[in-house]
Amino acid sequence: MADDLGLWAVPVAMLGGAIRVSTPYIFVSLGECLTERSGRINLGLEGTLVLGAMGAYGISYLSGSPWLGVLVAMAAGAFLGGLHALLCGLPKVNDIAVGIALMLFGTGIAFFLGKPFVQPKAPNLPAIPLGWWIDQPELRAALEINPLFVVGILLSLALTWFLGRTRWGLILRAAGDSAEAVRAMGYSAQTMRFVATTAGGAMAGIGGAFLSLFYPGSWNEGLSSGQGLMAIALVIFARWQPIRCIWASLLFGAAGALGPSLQSVGVTWGYYLFGAAPYVLTLGIMIATCSPTRSLRGAPAELGVTR
């Protein structure tokens, strides 16, 4: 790529990498955004991501259908999300403690059940060739996107409409800001949080399916690399807005593609240093948002409240 495009290879590779790498961030951040808007924090999405990746890969390998694997990943994510919501609905149960426990449970069960699928090759999800009209094979490869990326974009628009324009979206936001107000309206805040957390878990499961069935398109124990946890920081950066989650996910995706992009133009030193860019970005975001006046802006008032 470097010989044909020169330094343009770096932004082209980062654009293609941003689209590919950002997709799991999109689904996990949208799921966490929906969960947190209801007043619940789910730190277990890292485990959900890994379990979804294993489930999707295993079912794709056994059935020959990657889309069936995506559905199973959704179901696995919904199960962990629903379990998180049920446990957190008990008196004096802390969201963060339950989330950490389910993160360990999800990764542990995925590693245990996924050992037979480390070596076999499962059918992967197809790609949409948006660069079919371009002669450069490198550009064509960079512009191949997965349908799940498009689904993620549409999902963010749907969530924005749901939260801002519908009655149930208003009730869900009210559950995140004041449980008493929701009860006064005749609804149950716990029910709204259960539905939101379950749906958020299902979205995170789709992100896991993308990891194992498209990019990088394999299953192993180090597949996630902490993307589920980084997506939670991403939601803070996006100020709990679904559309902003898309832009923040693309930013994280571009950061993740920085190392391979520089390598494509011959910059081989510091590859692992550049590979740490997403983690440095996460740390920078957490530092930048630690101000009391900035971190609370846009946050649901009942986020993580233990009763």
Protein backbone atom coordinates (compact mmCIF):
# COMPACT_ATOMS: atom_id res chain seq x y z
CA MET A 1 0.00 0.00 0.00
CA ALA A 2 2.84 2.37 0.83
CA ASP A 3 4.39 2.05 -2.64
CA ASP A 4 1.15 2.95 -4.41
CA LEU A 5 -0.32 5.56 -2.11
CA GLY A 6 2.68 6.97 -0.24
CA LEU A 7 1.78 8.70 3.00
CA TRP A 8 -1.89 8.61 1.98
CA ALA A 9 -1.74 4.96 2.99
CA VAL A 10 -1.86 6.02 6.66
CA PRO A 11 -5.22 7.89 6.61
CA VAL A 12 -6.70 5.32 4.21
CA ALA A 13 -5.66 2.45 6.45
CA MET A 14 -6.89 4.33 9.53
CA LEU A 15 -10.26 4.99 7.84
CA GLY A 16 -10.72 1.32 6.99
CA GLY A 17 -9.40 0.30 10.41
CA ALA A 18 -11.69 2.77 12.18
CA ILE A 19 -14.75 1.26 10.48
CA ARG A 20 -13.70 -2.30 11.28
CA VAL A 21 -12.34 -1.81 14.79
CA SER A 22 -15.11 0.56 15.87
CA THR A 23 -18.01 -1.86 15.33
CA PRO A 24 -17.70 -3.76 18.66
CA TYR A 25 -17.30 -0.40 20.44
CA ILE A 26 -20.50 0.82 18.77
CA PHE A 27 -22.64 -2.08 19.97
CA VAL A 28 -21.20 -2.23 23.49
CA SER A 29 -21.38 1.54 23.97
CA LEU A 30 -24.96 1.73 22.67
CA GLY A 31 -25.94 -1.11 25.00
CA GLU A 32 -24.25 0.56 27.96
CA CYS A 33 -25.74 3.94 26.98
CA LEU A 34 -29.26 2.46 27.05
CA THR A 35 -28.53 0.70 30.35
CA GLU A 36 -27.11 3.79 32.03
CA ARG A 37 -29.93 6.02 30.81
CA SER A 38 -32.22 3.78 32.91
CA GLY A 39 -30.05 4.38 35.99
CA ARG A 40 -28.06 1.15 35.95
CA ILE A 41 -24.29 0.60 35.41
CA ASN A 42 -23.25 -2.70 33.83
CA LEU A 43 -19.50 -3.26 34.13
CA GLY A 44 -20.02 -6.88 33.10
CA LEU A 45 -20.16 -6.05 29.38
CA GLU A 46 -16.56 -7.20 28.92
CA GLY A 47 -17.69 -10.70 29.92
CA THR A 48 -20.78 -10.33 27.73
CA LEU A 49 -18.59 -9.39 24.77
CA VAL A 50 -16.34 -12.42 25.24
CA LEU A 51 -19.23 -14.84 25.81
CA GLY A 52 -21.01 -13.47 22.73
CA ALA A 53 -17.84 -13.94 20.66
CA MET A 54 -17.45 -17.54 21.78
CA GLY A 55 -21.13 -18.38 21.33
CA ALA A 56 -21.28 -16.86 17.85
CA TYR A 57 -18.11 -18.61 16.71
CA GLY A 58 -19.13 -21.98 18.14
CA ILE A 59 -22.62 -21.90 16.61
CA SER A 60 -21.27 -20.67 13.28
CA TYR A 61 -18.79 -23.55 13.24
CA LEU A 62 -21.36 -26.18 14.22
CA SER A 63 -24.22 -24.93 12.02
CA GLY A 64 -22.35 -23.34 9.12
CA SER A 65 -24.45 -20.17 9.52
CA PRO A 66 -22.67 -17.05 10.89
CA TRP A 67 -25.97 -15.16 11.17
CA LEU A 68 -27.32 -17.88 13.45
CA GLY A 69 -24.19 -17.29 15.51
CA VAL A 70 -25.07 -13.59 15.76
CA LEU A 71 -28.54 -14.50 17.09
CA VAL A 72 -27.01 -16.83 19.69
CA ALA A 73 -24.58 -14.08 20.72
CA MET A 74 -27.56 -11.75 21.20
CA ALA A 75 -29.31 -14.36 23.34
CA ALA A 76 -26.18 -14.93 25.45
CA GLY A 77 -25.80 -11.18 25.96
CA ALA A 78 -29.46 -10.79 26.87
CA PHE A 79 -29.10 -13.61 29.42
CA LEU A 80 -26.14 -11.96 31.17
CA GLY A 81 -27.82 -8.55 30.98
CA GLY A 82 -31.06 -9.91 32.44
CA LEU A 83 -29.14 -11.71 35.20
CA HIS A 84 -27.35 -8.45 36.03
CA ALA A 85 -30.67 -6.60 36.20
CA LEU A 86 -32.29 -9.24 38.42
CA LEU A 87 -29.40 -9.29 40.88
CA CYS A 88 -29.16 -5.51 41.01
CA GLY A 89 -32.90 -5.31 41.69
CA LEU A 90 -32.36 -6.95 45.07
CA PRO A 91 -32.08 -4.66 48.13
CA LYS A 92 -28.62 -3.28 48.98
CA VAL A 93 -26.97 -4.86 45.93
CA ASN A 94 -24.32 -2.72 44.24
CA ASP A 95 -24.29 -2.44 40.43
CA ILE A 96 -20.52 -2.26 40.15
CA ALA A 97 -19.85 -5.32 42.33
CA VAL A 98 -22.40 -7.39 40.38
CA GLY A 99 -20.93 -6.16 37.10
CA ILE A 100 -17.41 -7.22 38.03
CA ALA A 101 -18.68 -10.62 39.18
CA LEU A 102 -20.57 -11.18 35.91
CA MET A 103 -17.58 -10.00 33.88
CA LEU A 104 -15.49 -12.73 35.50
CA PHE A 105 -18.33 -15.23 35.11
CA GLY A 106 -18.84 -14.43 31.42
CA THR A 107 -15.15 -14.62 30.51
CA GLY A 108 -14.67 -17.75 32.59
CA ILE A 109 -17.59 -19.66 31.07
CA ALA A 110 -16.52 -18.52 27.59
CA PHE A 111 -12.96 -19.78 28.09
CA PHE A 112 -14.26 -23.09 29.48
CA LEU A 113 -16.80 -23.76 26.75
CA GLY A 114 -14.72 -22.26 23.96
CA LYS A 115 -11.58 -24.40 24.23
CA PRO A 116 -12.72 -26.83 21.47
CA PHE A 117 -13.22 -23.89 19.07
CA VAL A 118 -9.75 -22.31 19.29
CA GLN A 119 -8.35 -24.23 16.29
CA PRO A 120 -11.32 -24.91 13.95
CA LYS A 121 -12.23 -22.34 11.29
CA ALA A 122 -15.85 -21.14 11.40
CA PRO A 123 -17.68 -19.43 8.49
CA ASN A 124 -17.33 -15.64 8.78
CA LEU A 125 -19.82 -12.85 8.16
CA PRO A 126 -19.84 -11.37 4.63
CA ALA A 127 -18.54 -7.90 3.73
CA ILE A 128 -20.12 -5.12 1.65
CA PRO A 129 -17.63 -3.94 -1.06
CA LEU A 130 -18.28 -0.17 -1.08
CA GLY A 131 -15.05 0.42 -3.05
CA TRP A 132 -15.98 -1.80 -6.03
CA TRP A 133 -15.61 1.17 -8.39
CA ILE A 134 -11.99 1.92 -7.33
CA ASP A 135 -9.01 0.41 -9.16
CA GLN A 136 -6.67 0.40 -6.16
CA PRO A 137 -7.02 -3.01 -4.45
CA GLU A 138 -5.83 -1.50 -1.15
CA LEU A 139 -8.60 1.12 -1.24
CA ARG A 140 -11.17 -1.51 -2.15
CA ALA A 141 -10.05 -3.62 0.81
CA ALA A 142 -10.19 -0.61 3.14
CA LEU A 143 -13.75 0.19 2.05
CA GLU A 144 -15.11 -3.30 2.66
CA ILE A 145 -17.49 -2.99 5.59
CA ASN A 146 -19.57 -5.49 7.48
CA PRO A 147 -23.39 -5.20 7.53
CA LEU A 148 -23.23 -5.05 11.33
CA PHE A 149 -21.50 -1.65 11.05
CA VAL A 150 -24.52 -0.34 9.13
CA VAL A 151 -26.85 -1.97 11.65
CA GLY A 152 -24.96 -0.17 14.44
CA ILE A 153 -25.42 3.22 12.71
CA LEU A 154 -29.15 2.57 12.23
CA LEU A 155 -29.44 1.36 15.82
CA SER A 156 -27.94 4.60 17.15
CA LEU A 157 -30.48 6.60 15.14
CA ALA A 158 -33.30 4.38 16.42
CA LEU A 159 -32.15 4.77 20.03
CA THR A 160 -31.93 8.54 19.63
CA TRP A 161 -35.50 8.60 18.33
CA PHE A 162 -36.70 6.18 21.02
CA LEU A 163 -35.14 8.11 23.92
CA GLY A 164 -36.09 11.54 22.67
CA ARG A 165 -39.36 11.10 20.83
CA THR A 166 -41.34 8.26 22.41
CA ARG A 167 -43.34 7.85 25.60
CA TRP A 168 -41.43 4.72 26.64
CA GLY A 169 -38.17 6.54 26.02
CA LEU A 170 -39.35 9.32 28.33
CA ILE A 171 -40.26 6.77 31.02
CA LEU A 172 -36.87 5.07 30.68
CA ARG A 173 -35.05 8.38 31.04
CA ALA A 174 -37.23 9.18 34.03
CA ALA A 175 -36.18 5.86 35.60
CA GLY A 176 -32.58 7.01 35.24
CA ASP A 177 -33.25 10.37 36.86
CA SER A 178 -35.87 9.65 39.51
CA ALA A 179 -37.40 6.30 40.47
CA GLU A 180 -40.03 8.14 42.51
CA ALA A 181 -41.18 10.09 39.46
CA VAL A 182 -41.60 6.84 37.51
CA ARG A 183 -43.65 5.33 40.33
CA ALA A 184 -45.81 8.46 40.39
CA MET A 185 -46.47 7.90 36.68
CA GLY A 186 -47.70 4.39 37.48
CA TYR A 187 -44.70 2.45 36.18
CA SER A 188 -41.94 0.40 37.80
CA ALA A 189 -38.39 1.74 37.58
CA GLN A 190 -37.04 -1.77 38.22
CA THR A 191 -38.97 -3.13 35.23
CA MET A 192 -37.65 -0.38 32.97
CA ARG A 193 -34.10 -1.05 34.16
CA PHE A 194 -34.54 -4.78 33.61
CA VAL A 195 -35.67 -4.26 30.02
CA ALA A 196 -32.91 -1.70 29.31
CA THR A 197 -30.14 -3.82 30.85
CA THR A 198 -31.31 -6.96 29.01
CA ALA A 199 -31.47 -5.11 25.70
CA GLY A 200 -28.07 -3.54 26.39
CA GLY A 201 -26.59 -6.97 27.03
CA ALA A 202 -28.01 -8.26 23.74
CA MET A 203 -26.32 -5.38 21.89
CA ALA A 204 -22.99 -6.14 23.55
CA GLY A 205 -23.40 -9.77 22.47
CA ILE A 206 -23.63 -8.62 18.84
CA GLY A 207 -20.35 -6.77 19.31
CA GLY A 208 -18.77 -10.03 20.43
CA ALA A 209 -20.13 -11.81 17.35
CA PHE A 210 -18.45 -9.21 15.14
CA LEU A 211 -15.09 -9.89 16.82
CA SER A 212 -15.13 -13.62 16.26
CA LEU A 213 -16.95 -13.73 12.91
CA PHE A 214 -15.50 -10.77 10.99
CA TYR A 215 -12.58 -8.84 12.50
CA PRO A 216 -10.24 -10.41 13.46
CA GLY A 217 -12.52 -13.34 12.62
CA SER A 218 -11.30 -16.02 14.99
CA TRP A 219 -11.82 -17.18 18.54
CA ASN A 220 -9.20 -17.14 21.28
CA GLU A 221 -9.02 -16.11 24.90
CA GLY A 222 -7.37 -12.73 24.20
CA LEU A 223 -9.88 -11.68 21.55
CA SER A 224 -11.52 -8.77 23.36
CA SER A 225 -8.43 -6.99 24.76
CA GLY A 226 -10.58 -5.04 27.18
CA GLN A 227 -12.83 -3.43 24.57
CA GLY A 228 -15.90 -3.99 26.75
CA LEU A 229 -14.39 -1.94 29.56
CA MET A 230 -13.11 0.78 27.23
CA ALA A 231 -16.61 1.14 25.76
CA ILE A 232 -17.89 2.12 29.21
CA ALA A 233 -15.42 5.03 29.29
CA LEU A 234 -16.55 5.83 25.76
CA VAL A 235 -20.15 6.30 26.98
CA ILE A 236 -18.95 8.93 29.47
CA PHE A 237 -17.02 10.64 26.67
CA ALA A 238 -20.18 10.58 24.53
CA ARG A 239 -22.23 12.09 27.36
CA TRP A 240 -24.82 9.30 27.20
CA GLN A 241 -25.92 10.28 23.66
CA PRO A 242 -26.28 7.39 21.13
CA ILE A 243 -25.19 9.45 18.11
CA ARG A 244 -22.08 10.64 19.93
CA CYS A 245 -21.30 7.00 20.75
CA ILE A 246 -20.83 6.44 17.00
CA TRP A 247 -18.27 9.25 16.65
CA ALA A 248 -16.48 8.21 19.83
CA SER A 249 -16.38 4.58 18.62
CA LEU A 250 -14.84 5.69 15.31
CA LEU A 251 -12.24 7.67 17.27
CA PHE A 252 -11.37 4.61 19.34
CA GLY A 253 -11.32 2.49 16.18
CA ALA A 254 -8.92 4.89 14.47
CA ALA A 255 -6.69 4.83 17.55
CA GLY A 256 -6.67 1.03 17.40
CA ALA A 257 -5.71 1.13 13.71
CA LEU A 258 -2.81 3.57 14.25
CA GLY A 259 -0.11 0.91 14.74
CA PRO A 260 -0.96 -1.20 11.65
CA SER A 261 -1.36 1.99 9.55
CA LEU A 262 2.11 3.25 10.41
CA GLN A 263 3.52 -0.19 9.77
CA SER A 264 2.04 -0.08 6.25
CA VAL A 265 4.32 2.91 5.39
CA GLY A 266 7.40 1.30 6.89
CA VAL A 267 7.27 2.67 10.44
CA THR A 268 8.07 -0.54 12.28
CA TRP A 269 9.53 0.84 15.49
CA GLY A 270 7.22 1.31 18.43
CA TYR A 271 4.52 -0.98 17.00
CA TYR A 272 3.40 -2.16 20.41
CA LEU A 273 3.62 1.40 21.73
CA PHE A 274 1.22 2.61 19.03
CA GLY A 275 -0.92 -0.45 19.72
CA ALA A 276 -1.52 0.96 23.18
CA ALA A 277 -3.16 4.09 21.71
CA PRO A 278 -6.76 3.02 22.61
CA TYR A 279 -5.75 2.44 26.23
CA VAL A 280 -3.93 5.79 26.40
CA LEU A 281 -7.00 7.43 24.88
CA THR A 282 -9.21 5.78 27.51
CA LEU A 283 -6.93 7.01 30.29
CA GLY A 284 -6.91 10.51 28.81
CA ILE A 285 -10.71 10.56 28.64
CA MET A 286 -11.04 9.46 32.25
CA ILE A 287 -8.62 12.19 33.35
CA ALA A 288 -10.35 14.82 31.21
CA THR A 289 -13.79 13.92 32.58
CA CYS A 290 -12.84 13.65 36.26
CA SER A 291 -13.76 17.27 36.91
CA PRO A 292 -16.92 17.45 39.07
CA THR A 293 -18.43 20.10 36.83
CA ARG A 294 -17.84 18.14 33.60
CA SER A 295 -18.26 14.49 34.56
CA LEU A 296 -21.81 15.01 35.89
CA ARG A 297 -23.07 16.87 32.83
CA GLY A 298 -25.55 14.61 31.05
CA ALA A 299 -25.26 11.77 33.57
CA PRO A 300 -28.52 10.17 34.79
CA ALA A 301 -29.14 11.28 38.37
CA GLU A 302 -29.76 7.76 39.73
CA LEU A 303 -26.79 6.16 37.99
CA GLY A 304 -25.41 3.45 40.27
CA VAL A 305 -27.53 4.43 43.27
CA THR A 306 -27.79 1.53 45.76
CA ARG A 307 -31.03 1.33 47.71
